[in-house]
Amino acid sequence: MQWTDVQDIAIELYEAYPDVDPATVRFTDLRDWVLALPGFEGDPERCGEKILEAIQQLWIDEAA
């Protein structure tokens, strides 16, 4: 996975952290959790706030 795979990342986060309210996750933690996902190969330097916002919103939608 890369940073552009926001839907896949959101699903993986939902499965990895089922008891977490994604609306309460700080972007610094979100970035770290994405980097730790199995199969994630994105460059840590290529991540920005807009990508994290998109991931977080999709994770919120997935958890709803």
C-alpha atoms as a PDB file:
ATOM      1  CA  MET A   1       0.000   0.000   0.000  1.00  0.00           C
ATOM      2  CA  GLN A   2       0.957   3.587  -0.652  1.00  0.00           C
ATOM      3  CA  TRP A   3      -0.356   6.880   0.738  1.00  0.00           C
ATOM      4  CA  THR A   4      -2.762   7.135  -2.207  1.00  0.00           C
ATOM      5  CA  ASP A   5      -4.532   3.912  -1.141  1.00  0.00           C
ATOM      6  CA  VAL A   6      -6.599   5.818   1.413  1.00  0.00           C
ATOM      7  CA  GLN A   7      -9.634   3.493   1.276  1.00  0.00           C
ATOM      8  CA  ASP A   8      -7.504   0.379   1.832  1.00  0.00           C
ATOM      9  CA  ILE A   9      -5.624   2.105   4.649  1.00  0.00           C
ATOM     10  CA  ALA A  10      -8.885   3.093   6.352  1.00  0.00           C
ATOM     11  CA  ILE A  11     -10.152  -0.491   6.187  1.00  0.00           C
ATOM     12  CA  GLU A  12      -6.883  -1.834   7.579  1.00  0.00           C
ATOM     13  CA  LEU A  13      -6.974   0.674  10.446  1.00  0.00           C
ATOM     14  CA  TYR A  14     -10.596  -0.210  11.212  1.00  0.00           C
ATOM     15  CA  GLU A  15      -9.643  -3.880  11.433  1.00  0.00           C
ATOM     16  CA  ALA A  16      -6.450  -3.237  13.422  1.00  0.00           C
ATOM     17  CA  TYR A  17      -8.031  -0.838  15.930  1.00  0.00           C
ATOM     18  CA  PRO A  18     -11.707  -1.844  16.256  1.00  0.00           C
ATOM     19  CA  ASP A  19     -12.175  -0.201  19.657  1.00  0.00           C
ATOM     20  CA  VAL A  20     -10.673   3.163  18.709  1.00  0.00           C
ATOM     21  CA  ASP A  21     -12.859   6.142  17.830  1.00  0.00           C
ATOM     22  CA  PRO A  22     -11.085   7.412  14.706  1.00  0.00           C
ATOM     23  CA  ALA A  23     -12.368  10.958  15.306  1.00  0.00           C
ATOM     24  CA  THR A  24     -10.196  11.168  18.431  1.00  0.00           C
ATOM     25  CA  VAL A  25      -6.928  10.028  16.829  1.00  0.00           C
ATOM     26  CA  ARG A  26      -4.227  12.678  16.526  1.00  0.00           C
ATOM     27  CA  PHE A  27      -2.574  12.958  13.120  1.00  0.00           C
ATOM     28  CA  THR A  28       0.834  12.143  14.594  1.00  0.00           C
ATOM     29  CA  ASP A  29      -0.538   8.847  15.921  1.00  0.00           C
ATOM     30  CA  LEU A  30      -2.473   8.181  12.724  1.00  0.00           C
ATOM     31  CA  ARG A  31       0.688   8.603  10.663  1.00  0.00           C
ATOM     32  CA  ASP A  32       2.595   6.220  12.911  1.00  0.00           C
ATOM     33  CA  TRP A  33      -0.207   3.633  12.803  1.00  0.00           C
ATOM     34  CA  VAL A  34      -0.357   3.786   9.003  1.00  0.00           C
ATOM     35  CA  LEU A  35       3.407   3.363   8.740  1.00  0.00           C
ATOM     36  CA  ALA A  36       3.158   0.289  10.989  1.00  0.00           C
ATOM     37  CA  LEU A  37       0.470  -1.445   8.919  1.00  0.00           C
ATOM     38  CA  PRO A  38       1.585  -4.736   7.360  1.00  0.00           C
ATOM     39  CA  GLY A  39       2.221  -4.244   3.668  1.00  0.00           C
ATOM     40  CA  PHE A  40       2.450  -0.459   3.846  1.00  0.00           C
ATOM     41  CA  GLU A  41       5.366   0.730   1.734  1.00  0.00           C
ATOM     42  CA  GLY A  42       4.730   4.474   1.452  1.00  0.00           C
ATOM     43  CA  ASP A  43       7.488   7.007   1.994  1.00  0.00           C
ATOM     44  CA  PRO A  44       7.010   8.706   5.391  1.00  0.00           C
ATOM     45  CA  GLU A  45       8.098  12.007   3.819  1.00  0.00           C
ATOM     46  CA  ARG A  46       5.245  11.857   1.268  1.00  0.00           C
ATOM     47  CA  CYS A  47       2.508  12.121   3.867  1.00  0.00           C
ATOM     48  CA  GLY A  48       0.690  15.388   4.388  1.00  0.00           C
ATOM     49  CA  GLU A  49      -2.239  16.678   6.396  1.00  0.00           C
ATOM     50  CA  LYS A  50      -4.676  16.305   3.480  1.00  0.00           C
ATOM     51  CA  ILE A  51      -3.857  12.616   3.115  1.00  0.00           C
ATOM     52  CA  LEU A  52      -4.264  12.050   6.847  1.00  0.00           C
ATOM     53  CA  GLU A  53      -7.584  13.915   6.807  1.00  0.00           C
ATOM     54  CA  ALA A  54      -8.825  11.702   3.973  1.00  0.00           C
ATOM     55  CA  ILE A  55      -7.726   8.535   5.755  1.00  0.00           C
ATOM     56  CA  GLN A  56      -9.318   9.645   9.018  1.00  0.00           C
ATOM     57  CA  GLN A  57     -12.634  10.539   7.333  1.00  0.00           C
ATOM     58  CA  LEU A  58     -12.790   7.204   5.507  1.00  0.00           C
ATOM     59  CA  TRP A  59     -11.973   5.395   8.760  1.00  0.00           C
ATOM     60  CA  ILE A  60     -14.805   7.296  10.482  1.00  0.00           C
ATOM     61  CA  ASP A  61     -17.140   6.278   7.640  1.00  0.00           C
ATOM     62  CA  GLU A  62     -15.981   2.662   7.926  1.00  0.00           C
ATOM     63  CA  ALA A  63     -16.621   2.641  11.678  1.00  0.00           C
ATOM     64  CA  ALA A  64     -20.124   4.096  11.313  1.00  0.00           C
END
